[in-house]
Amino acid sequence: MDKQTLINKAIEAMNSAYAPYSNFKVGAALLSEDGEIHIGCNVENAAYGPTNCAERTAMFRAIADGYKPKSFKAIAVAGDTENPISPCGVCRQVLVELCSEQMPVILVNLKGDQTETTVAELLPGAFHL
């Protein structure tokens, strides 16, 4: 699986976002070890607290489909932002919990800008049990 395919899937996932309050659509595409891509989008709620981000939607979907934590190879996240999008703090913590610390995280915007980092670099000093 090439990086551009994963990015394209994240951008496509934005189309499914439910964002009637912010109009800020985000898509994510998570690559598992067997080459499957698990997509996610943000899903808003009028109460805001129950809103779920695209990254968590993709990860939770993969777990619900039977994939094990730490079995993922990469994630791409896309949003219509000035610079490459950046995951929120909650998503960073969930990435630490469910993914390898060295897993690549590809952050993009719709202009083609991208940044590649790792889970560990996104959240130094992450909470671990």
Protein backbone atom coordinates (compact mmCIF):
# COMPACT_ATOMS: atom_id res chain seq x y z
CA MET A 1 0.00 0.00 0.00
CA ASP A 2 1.49 3.32 -0.98
CA LYS A 3 1.18 6.48 1.09
CA GLN A 4 -0.79 8.36 -1.59
CA THR A 5 -3.52 5.71 -1.63
CA LEU A 6 -3.92 6.08 2.14
CA ILE A 7 -4.08 9.88 1.79
CA ASN A 8 -6.68 9.60 -0.97
CA LYS A 9 -8.84 7.34 1.20
CA ALA A 10 -8.65 9.87 4.06
CA ILE A 11 -9.72 12.67 1.73
CA GLU A 12 -12.59 10.51 0.40
CA ALA A 13 -13.69 9.76 3.97
CA MET A 14 -14.22 13.49 4.55
CA ASN A 15 -17.26 13.27 2.26
CA SER A 16 -19.05 11.07 4.81
CA ALA A 17 -18.49 13.44 7.73
CA TYR A 18 -21.51 14.64 9.67
CA ALA A 19 -20.52 18.20 10.62
CA PRO A 20 -23.67 20.37 10.61
CA TYR A 21 -22.45 22.60 13.46
CA SER A 22 -18.83 23.34 12.55
CA ASN A 23 -18.91 22.55 8.82
CA PHE A 24 -15.37 21.25 9.46
CA LYS A 25 -15.09 17.85 7.83
CA VAL A 26 -12.21 15.52 8.63
CA GLY A 27 -11.36 12.11 7.20
CA ALA A 28 -8.98 9.40 8.33
CA ALA A 29 -7.69 6.18 6.82
CA LEU A 30 -6.03 3.57 9.02
CA LEU A 31 -3.91 0.83 7.45
CA SER A 32 -3.84 -2.57 9.15
CA GLU A 33 -1.06 -5.14 8.85
CA ASP A 34 -3.04 -7.19 6.34
CA GLY A 35 -3.42 -4.22 3.98
CA GLU A 36 -7.02 -3.38 4.87
CA ILE A 37 -7.93 0.29 5.10
CA HIS A 38 -10.37 1.36 7.81
CA ILE A 39 -11.87 4.77 7.15
CA GLY A 40 -13.34 7.21 9.60
CA CYS A 41 -14.91 10.64 9.55
CA ASN A 42 -15.93 13.08 12.23
CA VAL A 43 -19.49 12.77 13.53
CA GLU A 44 -20.78 15.82 15.42
CA ASN A 45 -23.54 16.08 17.98
CA ALA A 46 -25.46 19.13 19.20
CA ALA A 47 -24.24 18.40 22.74
CA TYR A 48 -20.62 18.55 21.43
CA GLY A 49 -19.25 16.12 24.04
CA PRO A 50 -20.51 13.04 22.17
CA THR A 51 -18.82 14.23 18.97
CA ASN A 52 -16.29 11.74 17.62
CA CYS A 53 -13.25 12.63 15.55
CA ALA A 54 -12.30 10.93 12.29
CA GLU A 55 -9.16 9.36 13.74
CA ARG A 56 -11.03 7.71 16.60
CA THR A 57 -13.84 6.62 14.30
CA ALA A 58 -11.32 4.80 12.08
CA MET A 59 -9.52 3.18 15.03
CA PHE A 60 -12.71 2.16 16.85
CA ARG A 61 -14.16 0.79 13.62
CA ALA A 62 -11.06 -1.37 13.09
CA ILE A 63 -11.18 -2.65 16.67
CA ALA A 64 -14.92 -3.40 16.29
CA ASP A 65 -14.09 -5.32 13.10
CA GLY A 66 -11.78 -7.60 15.09
CA TYR A 67 -8.38 -5.98 14.57
CA LYS A 68 -6.11 -5.96 17.59
CA PRO A 69 -4.47 -2.89 19.14
CA LYS A 70 -0.91 -2.30 17.93
CA SER A 71 -1.65 -4.14 14.64
CA PHE A 72 -1.81 -1.00 12.50
CA LYS A 73 0.84 0.21 10.07
CA ALA A 74 -0.09 3.86 9.38
CA ILE A 75 -2.85 6.44 9.51
CA ALA A 76 -3.55 9.39 7.24
CA VAL A 77 -5.71 12.31 8.40
CA ALA A 78 -7.12 14.94 6.04
CA GLY A 79 -8.89 18.24 6.55
CA ASP A 80 -9.53 21.51 4.78
CA THR A 81 -6.99 23.49 6.80
CA GLU A 82 -4.35 26.10 6.03
CA ASN A 83 -1.53 23.77 7.09
CA PRO A 84 -1.61 19.98 7.38
CA ILE A 85 -4.31 19.05 9.90
CA SER A 86 -3.28 18.10 13.41
CA PRO A 87 -5.08 15.57 15.65
CA CYS A 88 -6.69 16.77 18.88
CA GLY A 89 -5.28 15.72 22.24
CA VAL A 90 -7.89 12.99 22.78
CA CYS A 91 -7.07 11.41 19.41
CA ARG A 92 -3.36 11.58 20.20
CA GLN A 93 -3.93 9.66 23.43
CA VAL A 94 -6.07 7.04 21.66
CA LEU A 95 -3.35 6.65 19.01
CA VAL A 96 -0.85 5.97 21.83
CA GLU A 97 -3.16 3.34 23.31
CA LEU A 98 -4.06 1.50 20.10
CA CYS A 99 -1.03 1.97 17.84
CA SER A 100 2.70 1.43 17.94
CA GLU A 101 4.58 4.51 19.09
CA GLN A 102 6.64 4.42 15.86
CA MET A 103 3.61 4.09 13.57
CA PRO A 104 3.63 6.76 10.84
CA VAL A 105 0.97 9.47 11.06
CA ILE A 106 0.46 11.34 7.78
CA LEU A 107 -1.26 14.71 8.15
CA VAL A 108 -2.54 16.50 5.05
CA ASN A 109 -4.70 19.36 3.85
CA LEU A 110 -6.62 19.68 0.61
CA LYS A 111 -3.91 21.85 -0.97
CA GLY A 112 -1.52 18.90 -1.03
CA ASP A 113 0.61 19.96 1.94
CA GLN A 114 1.64 17.09 4.17
CA THR A 115 3.60 16.32 7.28
CA GLU A 116 4.66 12.87 8.41
CA THR A 117 5.31 12.17 12.05
CA THR A 118 4.93 9.25 14.47
CA VAL A 119 2.52 8.50 17.27
CA ALA A 120 5.27 9.11 19.85
CA GLU A 121 6.20 12.47 18.33
CA LEU A 122 2.56 13.60 18.46
CA LEU A 123 2.29 13.07 22.21
CA PRO A 124 5.57 13.15 24.12
CA GLY A 125 5.07 12.11 27.72
CA ALA A 126 1.86 10.24 26.90
CA PHE A 127 -0.15 8.65 29.70
CA HIS A 128 0.49 4.90 30.00
CA LEU A 129 -0.81 2.37 32.53
